[in-house]
Amino acid sequence: MGELWIDSVAPQRMQPRITIHVKKREEAGDTVSFARERLNFNPDEKQSLVLRGGRRGIVNCTRQWGKSTVGAAKAVHRAYSDPGSLVLVMAPCGRQSGEFVRKAKAFVARLGIKARSDGDNAVSIAFPNGSRIIGLPGNEAMVRGFTASLILIDEAARVPDELYRAMRPSLAVGNGDLWLMSTPAGKRGFFWEEWRDGTEGWERIQVTGPECPRISRQVLEEERAKGDKWYGQEYLCEFGEVEGRVFSQESIDAAMQDFEPLDL
């Protein structure tokens, strides 16, 4: 109760702290405007959908679209505008989580904030308002014990299912947000399953190479020459069959359906 004050009866020492937090929320405003005006990042149309997205989102995108950059901007906006919030970043390995947080640090610097670690996690950013961004390694034992406001999973198609399942309960208490971002890696795993079979609560955003304004037609033609299957996965957001499988995913799904017993 000592932290909550409704009117001017609050002790004088508490007022500056509350004023700062209110000011931060007002400054942050719309996520896209915040990215443009405060982070000097001009998102394209599809990136703006990610920034403004709600509780659940899946981004199935071409290589080199800028998913890590837009994810970092979304993470910084949440941490800056929501005091005391925790943003968790997951990737297939610690190096990739570290690269994501490095991009977030660059955005934090544009806010005039000196990025520093939280003192407990090697890959992290602590904000003056008590918020944190933490980059987690691809290790199930290291991702438990957090309560998050936002979880961003980069290269989600290559993150093991057990890590995904271990991360989700971190959102339970605060009803936090979850965003999966990746280029496809075959018809397998939680990224493919949520994209294909997930509930209507998921916002699904797809961006192919030809739709990305930063990838030239010349580059796409050069990449296409490396093979249709590879090009389809990396630049056309296609979920191909997993290498080494004897049966297609469609055949496996059909075999698992329930049938009426034969009347012999």
C-alpha atoms as a PDB file:
ATOM      1  CA  MET A   1       0.000   0.000   0.000  1.00  0.00           C
ATOM      2  CA  GLY A   2       2.908   2.378   0.637  1.00  0.00           C
ATOM      3  CA  GLU A   3       3.768   2.372  -3.102  1.00  0.00           C
ATOM      4  CA  LEU A   4       0.291   3.439  -4.344  1.00  0.00           C
ATOM      5  CA  TRP A   5      -0.752   7.081  -4.033  1.00  0.00           C
ATOM      6  CA  ILE A   6      -3.869   8.518  -5.609  1.00  0.00           C
ATOM      7  CA  ASP A   7      -3.687  12.199  -4.736  1.00  0.00           C
ATOM      8  CA  SER A   8      -1.418  14.866  -3.307  1.00  0.00           C
ATOM      9  CA  VAL A   9      -1.190  13.230   0.116  1.00  0.00           C
ATOM     10  CA  ALA A  10       1.734  11.107  -1.104  1.00  0.00           C
ATOM     11  CA  PRO A  11       5.037  11.829   0.628  1.00  0.00           C
ATOM     12  CA  GLN A  12       7.197  14.303  -1.262  1.00  0.00           C
ATOM     13  CA  ARG A  13       9.968  11.742  -1.815  1.00  0.00           C
ATOM     14  CA  MET A  14       7.611   9.511  -3.843  1.00  0.00           C
ATOM     15  CA  GLN A  15       6.399  12.146  -6.317  1.00  0.00           C
ATOM     16  CA  PRO A  16       9.415  12.369  -8.671  1.00  0.00           C
ATOM     17  CA  ARG A  17       9.434   8.590  -9.199  1.00  0.00           C
ATOM     18  CA  ILE A  18       5.731   8.480 -10.112  1.00  0.00           C
ATOM     19  CA  THR A  19       6.086  11.509 -12.406  1.00  0.00           C
ATOM     20  CA  ILE A  20       8.907   9.845 -14.303  1.00  0.00           C
ATOM     21  CA  HIS A  21       6.879   6.676 -14.892  1.00  0.00           C
ATOM     22  CA  VAL A  22       3.828   8.591 -16.144  1.00  0.00           C
ATOM     23  CA  LYS A  23       6.027  10.651 -18.417  1.00  0.00           C
ATOM     24  CA  LYS A  24       7.628   7.527 -19.879  1.00  0.00           C
ATOM     25  CA  ARG A  25       4.253   6.032 -20.748  1.00  0.00           C
ATOM     26  CA  GLU A  26       3.145   9.276 -22.402  1.00  0.00           C
ATOM     27  CA  GLU A  27       6.393   9.567 -24.352  1.00  0.00           C
ATOM     28  CA  ALA A  28       6.223   5.966 -25.564  1.00  0.00           C
ATOM     29  CA  GLY A  29       2.729   6.259 -27.046  1.00  0.00           C
ATOM     30  CA  ASP A  30       2.060   4.265 -30.212  1.00  0.00           C
ATOM     31  CA  THR A  31       4.707   1.605 -30.794  1.00  0.00           C
ATOM     32  CA  VAL A  32       5.290   2.524 -34.440  1.00  0.00           C
ATOM     33  CA  SER A  33       5.587   6.245 -33.676  1.00  0.00           C
ATOM     34  CA  PHE A  34       7.941   5.398 -30.819  1.00  0.00           C
ATOM     35  CA  ALA A  35      10.129   3.350 -33.192  1.00  0.00           C
ATOM     36  CA  ARG A  36      10.289   6.144 -35.742  1.00  0.00           C
ATOM     37  CA  GLU A  37      10.662   9.133 -33.458  1.00  0.00           C
ATOM     38  CA  ARG A  38      12.645   7.745 -30.524  1.00  0.00           C
ATOM     39  CA  LEU A  39      14.548   4.761 -31.952  1.00  0.00           C
ATOM     40  CA  ASN A  40      15.206   6.207 -35.426  1.00  0.00           C
ATOM     41  CA  PHE A  41      13.839   2.976 -36.912  1.00  0.00           C
ATOM     42  CA  ASN A  42      11.381   3.301 -39.801  1.00  0.00           C
ATOM     43  CA  PRO A  43       9.393   0.038 -39.985  1.00  0.00           C
ATOM     44  CA  ASP A  44       7.734  -1.099 -43.186  1.00  0.00           C
ATOM     45  CA  GLU A  45       4.046  -2.052 -43.352  1.00  0.00           C
ATOM     46  CA  LYS A  46       4.464  -5.653 -42.144  1.00  0.00           C
ATOM     47  CA  GLN A  47       6.970  -4.674 -39.447  1.00  0.00           C
ATOM     48  CA  SER A  48       4.429  -2.133 -38.186  1.00  0.00           C
ATOM     49  CA  LEU A  49       1.929  -4.989 -37.774  1.00  0.00           C
ATOM     50  CA  VAL A  50       4.434  -6.768 -35.528  1.00  0.00           C
ATOM     51  CA  LEU A  51       5.090  -3.662 -33.450  1.00  0.00           C
ATOM     52  CA  ARG A  52       1.373  -3.073 -32.904  1.00  0.00           C
ATOM     53  CA  GLY A  53       0.552  -6.759 -32.478  1.00  0.00           C
ATOM     54  CA  GLY A  54      -1.228  -8.134 -29.439  1.00  0.00           C
ATOM     55  CA  ARG A  55      -0.923 -11.141 -27.118  1.00  0.00           C
ATOM     56  CA  ARG A  56      -0.024 -13.888 -29.587  1.00  0.00           C
ATOM     57  CA  GLY A  57       1.786 -13.549 -32.891  1.00  0.00           C
ATOM     58  CA  ILE A  58       3.586 -15.716 -35.430  1.00  0.00           C
ATOM     59  CA  VAL A  59       5.853 -14.155 -38.048  1.00  0.00           C
ATOM     60  CA  ASN A  60       6.730 -16.479 -40.940  1.00  0.00           C
ATOM     61  CA  CYS A  61       9.228 -14.464 -42.928  1.00  0.00           C
ATOM     62  CA  THR A  62      11.926 -14.472 -45.561  1.00  0.00           C
ATOM     63  CA  ARG A  63      15.593 -14.341 -44.683  1.00  0.00           C
ATOM     64  CA  GLN A  64      16.973 -10.835 -44.195  1.00  0.00           C
ATOM     65  CA  TRP A  65      13.577  -9.242 -43.575  1.00  0.00           C
ATOM     66  CA  GLY A  66      14.700  -7.702 -40.285  1.00  0.00           C
ATOM     67  CA  LYS A  67      12.725  -9.799 -37.793  1.00  0.00           C
ATOM     68  CA  SER A  68      15.407  -9.505 -35.102  1.00  0.00           C
ATOM     69  CA  THR A  69      15.523  -5.734 -35.534  1.00  0.00           C
ATOM     70  CA  VAL A  70      11.754  -5.274 -35.316  1.00  0.00           C
ATOM     71  CA  GLY A  71      11.664  -7.734 -32.409  1.00  0.00           C
ATOM     72  CA  ALA A  72      14.320  -5.703 -30.596  1.00  0.00           C
ATOM     73  CA  ALA A  73      12.298  -2.518 -31.133  1.00  0.00           C
ATOM     74  CA  LYS A  74       9.193  -4.241 -29.733  1.00  0.00           C
ATOM     75  CA  ALA A  75      11.169  -5.433 -26.708  1.00  0.00           C
ATOM     76  CA  VAL A  76      12.611  -1.976 -25.995  1.00  0.00           C
ATOM     77  CA  HIS A  77       9.212  -0.304 -26.287  1.00  0.00           C
ATOM     78  CA  ARG A  78       7.708  -2.752 -23.782  1.00  0.00           C
ATOM     79  CA  ALA A  79      10.554  -2.344 -21.297  1.00  0.00           C
ATOM     80  CA  TYR A  80      10.633   1.457 -21.617  1.00  0.00           C
ATOM     81  CA  SER A  81       6.876   2.048 -21.435  1.00  0.00           C
ATOM     82  CA  ASP A  82       5.908  -0.577 -18.836  1.00  0.00           C
ATOM     83  CA  PRO A  83       7.946  -0.051 -15.639  1.00  0.00           C
ATOM     84  CA  GLY A  84       9.113  -3.212 -13.919  1.00  0.00           C
ATOM     85  CA  SER A  85       8.332  -5.436 -16.900  1.00  0.00           C
ATOM     86  CA  LEU A  86      10.438  -8.424 -17.935  1.00  0.00           C
ATOM     87  CA  VAL A  87      11.060  -9.246 -21.599  1.00  0.00           C
ATOM     88  CA  LEU A  88      12.585 -12.649 -22.334  1.00  0.00           C
ATOM     89  CA  VAL A  89      14.358 -13.400 -25.609  1.00  0.00           C
ATOM     90  CA  MET A  90      14.886 -16.995 -26.720  1.00  0.00           C
ATOM     91  CA  ALA A  91      16.859 -18.263 -29.728  1.00  0.00           C
ATOM     92  CA  PRO A  92      18.373 -21.620 -30.742  1.00  0.00           C
ATOM     93  CA  CYS A  93      21.688 -20.705 -29.085  1.00  0.00           C
ATOM     94  CA  GLY A  94      23.137 -18.129 -26.721  1.00  0.00           C
ATOM     95  CA  ARG A  95      25.039 -16.376 -29.500  1.00  0.00           C
ATOM     96  CA  GLN A  96      21.811 -15.588 -31.345  1.00  0.00           C
ATOM     97  CA  SER A  97      20.104 -14.336 -28.180  1.00  0.00           C
ATOM     98  CA  GLY A  98      23.153 -12.170 -27.581  1.00  0.00           C
ATOM     99  CA  GLU A  99      22.921 -10.677 -31.080  1.00  0.00           C
ATOM    100  CA  PHE A 100      19.259  -9.869 -30.491  1.00  0.00           C
ATOM    101  CA  VAL A 101      20.058  -8.095 -27.209  1.00  0.00           C
ATOM    102  CA  ARG A 102      22.937  -6.249 -28.894  1.00  0.00           C
ATOM    103  CA  LYS A 103      20.414  -4.728 -31.313  1.00  0.00           C
ATOM    104  CA  ALA A 104      18.192  -3.819 -28.388  1.00  0.00           C
ATOM    105  CA  LYS A 105      21.143  -2.096 -26.678  1.00  0.00           C
ATOM    106  CA  ALA A 106      21.675   0.047 -29.782  1.00  0.00           C
ATOM    107  CA  PHE A 107      18.052   1.195 -29.556  1.00  0.00           C
ATOM    108  CA  VAL A 108      18.373   1.851 -25.821  1.00  0.00           C
ATOM    109  CA  ALA A 109      21.353   4.116 -26.499  1.00  0.00           C
ATOM    110  CA  ARG A 110      19.170   6.210 -28.831  1.00  0.00           C
ATOM    111  CA  LEU A 111      16.866   6.837 -25.882  1.00  0.00           C
ATOM    112  CA  GLY A 112      19.762   8.427 -24.015  1.00  0.00           C
ATOM    113  CA  ILE A 113      19.952   5.517 -21.589  1.00  0.00           C
ATOM    114  CA  LYS A 114      23.263   3.884 -20.771  1.00  0.00           C
ATOM    115  CA  ALA A 115      22.727   0.164 -21.276  1.00  0.00           C
ATOM    116  CA  ARG A 116      23.908  -1.958 -18.371  1.00  0.00           C
ATOM    117  CA  SER A 117      23.496  -5.550 -17.258  1.00  0.00           C
ATOM    118  CA  ASP A 118      21.021  -6.505 -14.539  1.00  0.00           C
ATOM    119  CA  GLY A 119      23.888  -8.014 -12.539  1.00  0.00           C
ATOM    120  CA  ASP A 120      22.467 -11.542 -12.594  1.00  0.00           C
ATOM    121  CA  ASN A 121      22.241 -12.464 -16.265  1.00  0.00           C
ATOM    122  CA  ALA A 122      25.190 -12.119 -18.637  1.00  0.00           C
ATOM    123  CA  VAL A 123      23.041 -11.195 -21.648  1.00  0.00           C
ATOM    124  CA  SER A 124      20.674  -8.558 -20.285  1.00  0.00           C
ATOM    125  CA  ILE A 125      19.677  -4.893 -20.175  1.00  0.00           C
ATOM    126  CA  ALA A 126      18.461  -3.181 -17.004  1.00  0.00           C
ATOM    127  CA  PHE A 127      16.354  -0.024 -17.385  1.00  0.00           C
ATOM    128  CA  PRO A 128      16.152   2.826 -14.858  1.00  0.00           C
ATOM    129  CA  ASN A 129      12.414   2.101 -14.423  1.00  0.00           C
ATOM    130  CA  GLY A 130      13.090  -1.440 -13.174  1.00  0.00           C
ATOM    131  CA  SER A 131      12.358  -3.224 -16.468  1.00  0.00           C
ATOM    132  CA  ARG A 132      14.717  -5.804 -17.915  1.00  0.00           C
ATOM    133  CA  ILE A 133      15.416  -7.516 -21.225  1.00  0.00           C
ATOM    134  CA  ILE A 134      17.125 -10.896 -20.823  1.00  0.00           C
ATOM    135  CA  GLY A 135      18.577 -13.067 -23.579  1.00  0.00           C
ATOM    136  CA  LEU A 136      18.360 -16.743 -22.646  1.00  0.00           C
ATOM    137  CA  PRO A 137      20.519 -19.629 -23.853  1.00  0.00           C
ATOM    138  CA  GLY A 138      19.061 -22.660 -25.601  1.00  0.00           C
ATOM    139  CA  ASN A 139      19.040 -24.657 -22.372  1.00  0.00           C
ATOM    140  CA  GLU A 140      15.814 -25.832 -20.731  1.00  0.00           C
ATOM    141  CA  ALA A 141      17.285 -25.725 -17.228  1.00  0.00           C
ATOM    142  CA  MET A 142      18.158 -22.030 -17.651  1.00  0.00           C
ATOM    143  CA  VAL A 143      14.761 -20.764 -18.855  1.00  0.00           C
ATOM    144  CA  ARG A 144      12.648 -21.640 -15.812  1.00  0.00           C
ATOM    145  CA  GLY A 145      11.811 -19.406 -12.858  1.00  0.00           C
ATOM    146  CA  PHE A 146      10.862 -16.209 -14.707  1.00  0.00           C
ATOM    147  CA  THR A 147       7.576 -14.261 -14.810  1.00  0.00           C
ATOM    148  CA  ALA A 148       7.495 -12.387 -18.108  1.00  0.00           C
ATOM    149  CA  SER A 149       5.461  -9.607 -19.670  1.00  0.00           C
ATOM    150  CA  LEU A 150       6.655 -10.493 -23.174  1.00  0.00           C
ATOM    151  CA  ILE A 151       8.487 -13.476 -24.684  1.00  0.00           C
ATOM    152  CA  LEU A 152      10.074 -13.199 -28.117  1.00  0.00           C
ATOM    153  CA  ILE A 153      11.382 -16.405 -29.729  1.00  0.00           C
ATOM    154  CA  ASP A 154      13.746 -15.663 -32.609  1.00  0.00           C
ATOM    155  CA  GLU A 155      14.391 -18.363 -35.240  1.00  0.00           C
ATOM    156  CA  ALA A 156      11.570 -20.248 -33.536  1.00  0.00           C
ATOM    157  CA  ALA A 157      11.505 -23.030 -36.156  1.00  0.00           C
ATOM    158  CA  ARG A 158      14.916 -24.137 -34.887  1.00  0.00           C
ATOM    159  CA  VAL A 159      14.189 -23.947 -31.153  1.00  0.00           C
ATOM    160  CA  PRO A 160      13.455 -27.380 -29.587  1.00  0.00           C
ATOM    161  CA  ASP A 161       9.877 -28.103 -28.564  1.00  0.00           C
ATOM    162  CA  GLU A 162      10.886 -28.795 -24.959  1.00  0.00           C
ATOM    163  CA  LEU A 163      12.286 -25.259 -24.616  1.00  0.00           C
ATOM    164  CA  TYR A 164       9.059 -23.797 -25.979  1.00  0.00           C
ATOM    165  CA  ARG A 165       7.007 -25.791 -23.493  1.00  0.00           C
ATOM    166  CA  ALA A 166       9.326 -24.770 -20.646  1.00  0.00           C
ATOM    167  CA  MET A 167       9.023 -21.071 -21.559  1.00  0.00           C
ATOM    168  CA  ARG A 168       5.247 -20.753 -21.855  1.00  0.00           C
ATOM    169  CA  PRO A 169       4.399 -20.978 -18.107  1.00  0.00           C
ATOM    170  CA  SER A 170       6.460 -17.805 -17.574  1.00  0.00           C
ATOM    171  CA  LEU A 171       3.515 -15.903 -19.079  1.00  0.00           C
ATOM    172  CA  ALA A 172       0.793 -17.519 -16.984  1.00  0.00           C
ATOM    173  CA  VAL A 173       0.567 -15.179 -13.968  1.00  0.00           C
ATOM    174  CA  GLY A 174       0.729 -11.897 -15.864  1.00  0.00           C
ATOM    175  CA  ASN A 175      -1.137 -13.114 -18.971  1.00  0.00           C
ATOM    176  CA  GLY A 176       1.868 -11.958 -20.978  1.00  0.00           C
ATOM    177  CA  ASP A 177       2.474 -11.729 -24.712  1.00  0.00           C
ATOM    178  CA  LEU A 178       4.184 -14.343 -26.882  1.00  0.00           C
ATOM    179  CA  TRP A 179       5.644 -13.793 -30.353  1.00  0.00           C
ATOM    180  CA  LEU A 180       7.295 -16.432 -32.543  1.00  0.00           C
ATOM    181  CA  MET A 181       9.464 -15.231 -35.432  1.00  0.00           C
ATOM    182  CA  SER A 182      11.237 -17.433 -37.941  1.00  0.00           C
ATOM    183  CA  THR A 183      12.014 -18.635 -41.413  1.00  0.00           C
ATOM    184  CA  PRO A 184      10.507 -22.140 -41.844  1.00  0.00           C
ATOM    185  CA  ALA A 185      12.545 -25.284 -41.185  1.00  0.00           C
ATOM    186  CA  GLY A 186      10.235 -28.037 -42.433  1.00  0.00           C
ATOM    187  CA  LYS A 187       6.876 -29.424 -41.381  1.00  0.00           C
ATOM    188  CA  ARG A 188       7.822 -30.148 -37.788  1.00  0.00           C
ATOM    189  CA  GLY A 189       7.979 -28.572 -34.364  1.00  0.00           C
ATOM    190  CA  PHE A 190       5.891 -26.017 -32.514  1.00  0.00           C
ATOM    191  CA  PHE A 191       6.458 -23.206 -35.028  1.00  0.00           C
ATOM    192  CA  TRP A 192       4.945 -25.254 -37.841  1.00  0.00           C
ATOM    193  CA  GLU A 193       2.163 -26.594 -35.618  1.00  0.00           C
ATOM    194  CA  GLU A 194       1.137 -23.191 -34.270  1.00  0.00           C
ATOM    195  CA  TRP A 195       1.249 -21.698 -37.772  1.00  0.00           C
ATOM    196  CA  ARG A 196      -0.913 -24.475 -39.207  1.00  0.00           C
ATOM    197  CA  ASP A 197      -3.128 -25.558 -36.317  1.00  0.00           C
ATOM    198  CA  GLY A 198      -2.913 -22.855 -33.649  1.00  0.00           C
ATOM    199  CA  THR A 199      -6.014 -21.138 -32.302  1.00  0.00           C
ATOM    200  CA  GLU A 200      -7.596 -18.044 -33.802  1.00  0.00           C
ATOM    201  CA  GLY A 201      -5.933 -16.027 -31.040  1.00  0.00           C
ATOM    202  CA  TRP A 202      -2.687 -16.050 -33.022  1.00  0.00           C
ATOM    203  CA  GLU A 203      -1.943 -13.148 -35.353  1.00  0.00           C
ATOM    204  CA  ARG A 204      -0.246 -14.670 -38.408  1.00  0.00           C
ATOM    205  CA  ILE A 205       2.038 -12.457 -40.476  1.00  0.00           C
ATOM    206  CA  GLN A 206       3.808 -13.771 -43.570  1.00  0.00           C
ATOM    207  CA  VAL A 207       6.438 -11.874 -45.550  1.00  0.00           C
ATOM    208  CA  THR A 208       8.116 -13.423 -48.610  1.00  0.00           C
ATOM    209  CA  GLY A 209      11.316 -12.276 -50.287  1.00  0.00           C
ATOM    210  CA  PRO A 210       9.525 -10.601 -53.210  1.00  0.00           C
ATOM    211  CA  GLU A 211       7.421  -8.656 -50.655  1.00  0.00           C
ATOM    212  CA  CYS A 212      10.440  -7.319 -48.780  1.00  0.00           C
ATOM    213  CA  PRO A 213      11.364  -3.832 -50.062  1.00  0.00           C
ATOM    214  CA  ARG A 214      14.991  -4.271 -48.977  1.00  0.00           C
ATOM    215  CA  ILE A 215      15.730  -7.353 -51.131  1.00  0.00           C
ATOM    216  CA  SER A 216      16.349  -6.663 -54.811  1.00  0.00           C
ATOM    217  CA  ARG A 217      14.993  -8.752 -57.665  1.00  0.00           C
ATOM    218  CA  GLN A 218      18.556  -9.435 -58.785  1.00  0.00           C
ATOM    219  CA  VAL A 219      19.443 -10.998 -55.420  1.00  0.00           C
ATOM    220  CA  LEU A 220      16.302 -13.126 -55.464  1.00  0.00           C
ATOM    221  CA  GLU A 221      17.102 -14.461 -58.943  1.00  0.00           C
ATOM    222  CA  GLU A 222      20.607 -15.365 -57.812  1.00  0.00           C
ATOM    223  CA  GLU A 223      19.234 -17.164 -54.755  1.00  0.00           C
ATOM    224  CA  ARG A 224      16.582 -19.017 -56.783  1.00  0.00           C
ATOM    225  CA  ALA A 225      19.351 -20.554 -58.882  1.00  0.00           C
ATOM    226  CA  LYS A 226      20.483 -22.524 -55.806  1.00  0.00           C
ATOM    227  CA  GLY A 227      17.397 -24.740 -55.984  1.00  0.00           C
ATOM    228  CA  ASP A 228      13.622 -24.396 -55.808  1.00  0.00           C
ATOM    229  CA  LYS A 229      13.223 -26.310 -52.546  1.00  0.00           C
ATOM    230  CA  TRP A 230      15.852 -24.273 -50.716  1.00  0.00           C
ATOM    231  CA  TYR A 231      14.592 -21.005 -52.233  1.00  0.00           C
ATOM    232  CA  GLY A 232      11.019 -21.865 -51.318  1.00  0.00           C
ATOM    233  CA  GLN A 233      11.942 -22.316 -47.668  1.00  0.00           C
ATOM    234  CA  GLU A 234      14.350 -19.407 -47.265  1.00  0.00           C
ATOM    235  CA  TYR A 235      12.557 -16.777 -49.362  1.00  0.00           C
ATOM    236  CA  LEU A 236       8.966 -17.905 -50.015  1.00  0.00           C
ATOM    237  CA  CYS A 237       8.073 -18.991 -46.446  1.00  0.00           C
ATOM    238  CA  GLU A 238       7.269 -22.562 -47.542  1.00  0.00           C
ATOM    239  CA  PHE A 239       7.260 -25.439 -45.060  1.00  0.00           C
ATOM    240  CA  GLY A 240       8.883 -28.338 -46.912  1.00  0.00           C
ATOM    241  CA  GLU A 241       9.047 -32.005 -46.021  1.00  0.00           C
ATOM    242  CA  VAL A 242      11.645 -32.945 -43.425  1.00  0.00           C
ATOM    243  CA  GLU A 243      14.763 -34.551 -44.896  1.00  0.00           C
ATOM    244  CA  GLY A 244      14.916 -38.316 -44.399  1.00  0.00           C
ATOM    245  CA  ARG A 245      11.184 -38.894 -43.958  1.00  0.00           C
ATOM    246  CA  VAL A 246       9.688 -41.786 -45.899  1.00  0.00           C
ATOM    247  CA  PHE A 247       6.125 -40.402 -45.694  1.00  0.00           C
ATOM    248  CA  SER A 248       4.927 -36.843 -46.155  1.00  0.00           C
ATOM    249  CA  GLN A 249       3.436 -34.913 -43.238  1.00  0.00           C
ATOM    250  CA  GLU A 250       0.045 -35.018 -44.975  1.00  0.00           C
ATOM    251  CA  SER A 251       0.218 -38.843 -45.156  1.00  0.00           C
ATOM    252  CA  ILE A 252       1.128 -39.069 -41.471  1.00  0.00           C
ATOM    253  CA  ASP A 253      -1.735 -36.736 -40.494  1.00  0.00           C
ATOM    254  CA  ALA A 254      -4.202 -38.757 -42.575  1.00  0.00           C
ATOM    255  CA  ALA A 255      -3.085 -42.015 -40.948  1.00  0.00           C
ATOM    256  CA  MET A 256      -3.711 -40.556 -37.477  1.00  0.00           C
ATOM    257  CA  GLN A 257      -7.357 -39.700 -38.153  1.00  0.00           C
ATOM    258  CA  ASP A 258     -10.157 -41.605 -36.442  1.00  0.00           C
ATOM    259  CA  PHE A 259     -12.185 -43.912 -38.659  1.00  0.00           C
ATOM    260  CA  GLU A 260     -15.433 -45.753 -38.057  1.00  0.00           C
ATOM    261  CA  PRO A 261     -14.777 -49.455 -37.392  1.00  0.00           C
ATOM    262  CA  LEU A 262     -15.569 -51.818 -40.247  1.00  0.00           C
ATOM    263  CA  ASP A 263     -18.723 -53.906 -39.848  1.00  0.00           C
ATOM    264  CA  LEU A 264     -17.388 -57.343 -40.776  1.00  0.00           C
END
